[in-house]
């Protein structure tokens, strides 16, 4: 079912113009040129921006980019960052398929993938954000030694992802099947908060890109 367009959507987005990068292709290779940040990190499918904004607040010397394809959703992320006065965050309202057009080779130090669509049917596995097609894209923009931080509540997707990461040459450094077992860890997304309150275990892994 198609999402209903929010009222005054364009007006609301325009009100946060300074945080929205409408032509990210123009920034490729130059994201940090005029900004005093030591590195660039990217969240794919940032949703309403809770994770991106809260993480950016904790690490003000790093530039965080939140990418979200849905305008109806990213507007909330934009307004959240604007209202909280967070300076080290920008947003891209585009698909992840074009990542190599947005970022130069080795420009990104870390990618966050939080609770992406599991696409459970085998015929749809090419759409999974941790599948072969996207892993090849990530390898184009991650610097050597760069990391992917992946969280999901879907065990089947998690097991699939672990296999794919290793198959494509990523080094597994942290793997847990119940991240918050002894207390909450790190910044949680909106979905994560709901899952945790329902007692659903959160799986997480950190993998490192090793350039051959």
Protein backbone atom coordinates (compact mmCIF):
# COMPACT_ATOMS: atom_id res chain seq x y z
CA UNK A 1 0.00 0.00 0.00
CA UNK A 2 1.38 3.37 -1.01
CA UNK A 3 2.14 5.85 1.77
CA UNK A 4 -0.10 8.90 1.80
CA UNK A 5 1.80 12.12 1.14
CA UNK A 6 2.03 14.31 4.22
CA UNK A 7 0.45 17.75 4.18
CA UNK A 8 2.81 20.67 3.54
CA UNK A 9 5.59 18.15 2.87
CA UNK A 10 7.58 20.32 0.44
CA UNK A 11 7.23 23.35 2.70
CA UNK A 12 8.46 21.39 5.71
CA UNK A 13 11.43 19.97 3.80
CA UNK A 14 12.34 23.39 2.45
CA UNK A 15 12.32 24.68 6.02
CA UNK A 16 15.31 22.40 6.70
CA UNK A 17 17.08 23.16 3.43
CA UNK A 18 20.52 23.55 4.99
CA UNK A 19 20.50 19.92 6.16
CA UNK A 20 19.28 18.31 2.93
CA UNK A 21 21.82 17.59 0.18
CA UNK A 22 19.70 17.60 -2.97
CA UNK A 23 22.55 16.83 -5.39
CA UNK A 24 24.94 14.56 -3.48
CA UNK A 25 26.79 13.74 -6.70
CA UNK A 26 28.33 17.22 -6.51
CA UNK A 27 29.81 16.40 -3.10
CA UNK A 28 31.53 13.18 -4.15
CA UNK A 29 35.13 13.30 -2.96
CA UNK A 30 34.61 16.67 -1.28
CA UNK A 31 32.30 16.05 1.69
CA UNK A 32 34.97 17.05 4.21
CA UNK A 33 36.78 19.71 2.17
CA UNK A 34 35.19 22.73 3.83
CA UNK A 35 34.02 21.10 7.04
CA UNK A 36 36.15 20.59 10.12
CA UNK A 37 35.21 16.95 10.70
CA UNK A 38 37.73 14.12 10.90
CA UNK A 39 35.67 11.48 9.11
CA UNK A 40 32.38 10.68 7.41
CA UNK A 41 29.87 8.05 8.50
CA UNK A 42 26.72 6.96 6.71
CA UNK A 43 23.42 5.49 7.90
CA UNK A 44 21.40 3.70 5.22
CA UNK A 45 17.63 3.87 5.65
CA UNK A 46 17.82 6.40 8.47
CA UNK A 47 14.03 6.61 8.81
CA UNK A 48 12.92 9.34 11.19
CA UNK A 49 16.51 10.09 12.13
CA UNK A 50 16.62 9.15 15.81
CA UNK A 51 19.79 7.07 15.49
CA UNK A 52 21.58 9.48 13.13
CA UNK A 53 20.82 12.57 15.20
CA UNK A 54 21.53 11.06 18.61
CA UNK A 55 24.77 9.46 17.41
CA UNK A 56 25.87 12.74 15.83
CA UNK A 57 25.25 14.55 19.12
CA UNK A 58 27.57 12.13 20.90
CA UNK A 59 30.38 12.57 18.36
CA UNK A 60 30.40 16.21 17.21
CA UNK A 61 33.76 15.90 15.41
CA UNK A 62 32.35 13.42 12.87
CA UNK A 63 30.07 14.19 9.90
CA UNK A 64 27.04 11.88 9.77
CA UNK A 65 24.98 11.36 6.62
CA UNK A 66 21.50 9.85 6.84
CA UNK A 67 20.13 8.39 3.62
CA UNK A 68 16.41 7.71 3.30
CA UNK A 69 14.41 7.12 0.12
CA UNK A 70 10.99 8.17 1.48
CA UNK A 71 10.30 11.91 1.60
CA UNK A 72 7.39 11.32 3.99
CA UNK A 73 9.84 9.81 6.47
CA UNK A 74 12.99 11.86 6.01
CA UNK A 75 11.09 15.08 6.73
CA UNK A 76 10.84 13.97 10.37
CA UNK A 77 14.59 13.32 10.47
CA UNK A 78 15.29 16.76 9.01
CA UNK A 79 13.02 18.48 11.51
CA UNK A 80 14.49 16.52 14.41
CA UNK A 81 18.02 17.62 13.54
CA UNK A 82 16.90 21.20 12.87
CA UNK A 83 15.01 21.51 16.15
CA UNK A 84 17.89 20.08 18.18
CA UNK A 85 20.46 22.29 16.47
CA UNK A 86 22.71 19.43 15.39
CA UNK A 87 25.36 20.80 13.02
CA UNK A 88 27.31 17.66 12.04
CA UNK A 89 24.55 15.87 10.16
CA UNK A 90 23.23 15.98 6.59
CA UNK A 91 20.53 13.99 4.81
CA UNK A 92 20.11 12.52 1.34
CA UNK A 93 16.61 11.72 0.02
CA UNK A 94 17.67 9.10 -2.53
CA UNK A 95 18.07 5.35 -3.11
CA UNK A 96 21.13 3.44 -1.89
CA UNK A 97 21.60 1.96 -5.38
CA UNK A 98 23.55 5.07 -6.41
CA UNK A 99 25.98 5.26 -3.48
CA UNK A 100 29.13 5.28 -5.69
CA UNK A 101 27.79 8.43 -7.32
CA UNK A 102 27.42 10.17 -3.96
CA UNK A 103 30.74 9.20 -2.37
CA UNK A 104 34.24 8.77 -3.78
CA UNK A 105 36.30 5.62 -3.40
CA UNK A 106 37.31 5.19 0.25
CA UNK A 107 35.50 8.35 1.40
CA UNK A 108 33.27 6.70 4.03
CA UNK A 109 34.74 5.33 7.27
CA UNK A 110 31.64 3.58 8.61
CA UNK A 111 28.24 2.43 7.36
CA UNK A 112 25.29 1.77 9.67
CA UNK A 113 22.54 -0.58 8.49
CA UNK A 114 19.76 -0.68 11.08
CA UNK A 115 16.67 -2.89 10.74
CA UNK A 116 16.49 -2.97 6.98
CA UNK A 117 13.69 -4.82 5.16
CA UNK A 118 14.55 -8.56 5.46
CA UNK A 119 13.04 -9.51 2.08
CA UNK A 120 12.47 -13.08 3.37
CA UNK A 121 11.55 -14.70 0.04
CA UNK A 122 14.59 -16.25 -1.63
CA UNK A 123 13.60 -14.71 -4.97
CA UNK A 124 14.02 -11.26 -3.39
CA UNK A 125 17.41 -11.80 -1.74
CA UNK A 126 19.10 -9.49 -4.24
CA UNK A 127 17.18 -6.63 -2.60
CA UNK A 128 18.64 -7.29 0.84
CA UNK A 129 20.93 -4.48 2.03
CA UNK A 130 23.49 -7.05 3.17
CA UNK A 131 23.40 -9.06 -0.06
CA UNK A 132 25.95 -9.28 -2.85
CA UNK A 133 24.74 -6.34 -4.94
CA UNK A 134 24.95 -3.86 -2.07
CA UNK A 135 28.13 -5.27 -0.57
CA UNK A 136 29.89 -4.54 -3.85
CA UNK A 137 28.66 -0.94 -3.62
CA UNK A 138 29.88 -0.59 -0.03
CA UNK A 139 33.33 -1.81 -1.02
CA UNK A 140 33.53 1.05 -3.50
CA UNK A 141 32.97 3.79 -0.92
CA UNK A 142 34.45 2.34 2.30
CA UNK A 143 38.04 3.14 3.13
CA UNK A 144 40.36 0.19 3.88
CA UNK A 145 39.71 -0.76 7.48
CA UNK A 146 36.28 0.88 7.33
CA UNK A 147 33.40 -0.77 9.13
CA UNK A 148 29.79 -1.82 8.66
CA UNK A 149 27.63 -1.90 11.79
CA UNK A 150 24.55 -4.04 11.19
CA UNK A 151 21.54 -4.53 13.49
CA UNK A 152 18.35 -6.53 12.94
CA UNK A 153 15.64 -8.39 14.80
CA UNK A 154 15.38 -10.95 11.98
CA UNK A 155 17.48 -14.05 12.76
CA UNK A 156 17.22 -15.47 9.25
CA UNK A 157 18.49 -12.21 7.74
CA UNK A 158 21.26 -12.04 10.32
CA UNK A 159 22.55 -15.54 9.52
CA UNK A 160 22.38 -14.77 5.80
CA UNK A 161 24.28 -11.52 6.35
CA UNK A 162 27.08 -13.14 8.35
CA UNK A 163 27.67 -15.59 5.51
CA UNK A 164 27.59 -12.83 2.89
CA UNK A 165 29.99 -10.59 4.80
CA UNK A 166 32.56 -13.37 5.05
CA UNK A 167 32.03 -14.45 1.45
CA UNK A 168 32.82 -10.94 0.26
CA UNK A 169 35.98 -10.58 2.30
CA UNK A 170 34.72 -8.64 5.33
CA UNK A 171 36.26 -9.49 8.70
CA UNK A 172 33.76 -10.24 11.47
CA UNK A 173 34.92 -8.52 14.66
CA UNK A 174 31.78 -8.44 16.83
CA UNK A 175 28.79 -10.76 16.68
CA UNK A 176 25.93 -10.92 19.19
CA UNK A 177 22.49 -12.47 19.05
CA UNK A 178 21.11 -10.48 22.00
CA UNK A 179 22.67 -7.04 22.10
CA UNK A 180 20.67 -5.70 25.04
CA UNK A 181 20.62 -8.89 27.11
CA UNK A 182 22.20 -7.26 30.17
CA UNK A 183 21.07 -3.67 29.54
CA UNK A 184 20.67 -1.32 26.61
CA UNK A 185 23.77 -0.72 24.52
CA UNK A 186 24.40 2.39 22.46
CA UNK A 187 21.85 4.53 20.60
CA UNK A 188 18.67 2.71 19.62
CA UNK A 189 16.47 3.37 16.59
CA UNK A 190 12.71 3.88 16.82
CA UNK A 191 12.12 0.28 15.69
CA UNK A 192 14.74 -1.02 18.10
CA UNK A 193 13.08 0.62 21.07
CA UNK A 194 9.76 -1.05 20.18
CA UNK A 195 11.37 -4.47 19.64
CA UNK A 196 13.32 -4.23 22.88
CA UNK A 197 10.19 -3.32 24.85
CA UNK A 198 8.49 -6.41 23.38
CA UNK A 199 11.39 -8.59 24.50
CA UNK A 200 12.58 -9.35 20.97
CA UNK A 201 16.36 -10.02 20.89
CA UNK A 202 18.43 -7.69 18.73
CA UNK A 203 21.23 -9.17 16.64
CA UNK A 204 24.27 -7.07 15.83
CA UNK A 205 27.60 -7.51 14.09
CA UNK A 206 30.50 -5.26 13.19
CA UNK A 207 32.51 -6.12 10.11
CA UNK A 208 35.66 -4.57 8.70
CA UNK A 209 36.49 -4.02 5.06
CA UNK A 210 39.81 -5.56 4.12
CA UNK A 211 41.00 -4.37 0.74
CA UNK A 212 42.80 -7.15 -1.10
